[in-house]
Amino acid sequence: MSMKTLYAGHSNNFGFDSKAQKSGPLAALTRTVIGWQERASMRYQLAALNEENLNDMGLSFEEVSKETNKYFWQD
């Protein structure tokens, strides 16, 4: 009888890939909410940048203002 060592990087014997994207309405809702959170966080961080940082990134205050005034669900 032999024993196998399990490695996190190896596939399992259960017929599914742990990296595969889940499907279904709950998974879709979860992805949507996470996207909203990421978008809101990025806009919050963008709003906190000073003029020097914005100039380094090639962004104007007007562009940043337009983006940061959007609701979290808006692209």
Protein backbone atom coordinates (compact mmCIF):
# COMPACT_ATOMS: atom_id res chain seq x y z
CA MET A 1 0.00 0.00 0.00
CA SER A 2 1.43 3.37 -0.96
CA MET A 3 0.70 6.77 0.50
CA LYS A 4 0.43 9.88 -1.62
CA THR A 5 1.49 13.31 -0.49
CA LEU A 6 -1.05 16.02 -1.21
CA TYR A 7 0.17 19.30 -2.61
CA ALA A 8 -1.99 22.40 -2.81
CA GLY A 9 -0.94 22.94 -6.41
CA HIS A 10 -2.03 19.51 -7.58
CA SER A 11 -5.48 18.75 -8.88
CA ASN A 12 -7.82 16.76 -6.72
CA ASN A 13 -9.70 13.58 -7.49
CA PHE A 14 -13.16 15.05 -7.08
CA GLY A 15 -13.58 16.25 -10.66
CA PHE A 16 -13.59 19.99 -10.08
CA ASP A 17 -11.04 22.75 -10.41
CA SER A 18 -10.77 24.89 -7.28
CA LYS A 19 -9.79 27.86 -9.48
CA ALA A 20 -12.89 27.55 -11.65
CA GLN A 21 -15.33 30.43 -11.43
CA LYS A 22 -18.54 29.50 -9.71
CA SER A 23 -21.84 29.99 -11.51
CA GLY A 24 -25.36 30.62 -10.41
CA PRO A 25 -27.34 33.57 -9.13
CA LEU A 26 -25.68 33.75 -5.71
CA ALA A 27 -22.19 33.68 -7.25
CA ALA A 28 -23.20 36.38 -9.75
CA LEU A 29 -24.60 38.54 -6.96
CA THR A 30 -21.42 38.05 -4.93
CA ARG A 31 -19.23 39.09 -7.89
CA THR A 32 -21.42 42.16 -8.44
CA VAL A 33 -21.22 43.28 -4.81
CA ILE A 34 -17.46 42.73 -4.70
CA GLY A 35 -17.12 44.77 -7.90
CA TRP A 36 -19.12 47.59 -6.31
CA GLN A 37 -16.92 47.50 -3.21
CA GLU A 38 -13.73 47.60 -5.29
CA ARG A 39 -15.06 50.48 -7.41
CA ALA A 40 -16.07 52.49 -4.33
CA SER A 41 -12.69 51.85 -2.72
CA MET A 42 -10.77 52.93 -5.82
CA ARG A 43 -12.82 56.11 -6.10
CA TYR A 44 -12.24 56.88 -2.42
CA GLN A 45 -8.49 56.42 -2.89
CA LEU A 46 -8.52 58.52 -6.05
CA ALA A 47 -10.31 61.33 -4.24
CA ALA A 48 -7.61 61.30 -1.54
CA LEU A 49 -4.75 61.98 -4.00
CA ASN A 50 -3.18 65.41 -4.01
CA GLU A 51 -2.61 67.59 -7.07
CA GLU A 52 0.99 66.44 -7.49
CA ASN A 53 -0.05 62.78 -7.62
CA LEU A 54 -2.82 63.57 -10.10
CA ASN A 55 -0.38 65.44 -12.34
CA ASP A 56 2.02 62.48 -12.22
CA MET A 57 -0.82 60.24 -13.40
CA GLY A 58 -1.87 62.69 -16.10
CA LEU A 59 -5.27 63.35 -14.55
CA SER A 60 -6.97 66.68 -14.08
CA PHE A 61 -9.00 67.70 -11.06
CA GLU A 62 -12.10 67.85 -13.29
CA GLU A 63 -11.63 64.26 -14.48
CA VAL A 64 -11.15 63.04 -10.93
CA SER A 65 -14.12 65.01 -9.69
CA LYS A 66 -16.32 63.58 -12.43
CA GLU A 67 -15.23 60.02 -11.58
CA THR A 68 -15.43 60.32 -7.80
CA ASN A 69 -18.92 61.84 -7.89
CA LYS A 70 -20.37 58.75 -9.55
CA TYR A 71 -22.42 56.27 -7.55
CA PHE A 72 -20.72 52.96 -6.70
CA TRP A 73 -22.82 51.03 -9.21
CA GLN A 74 -21.95 53.32 -12.14
CA ASP A 75 -19.12 52.45 -14.53
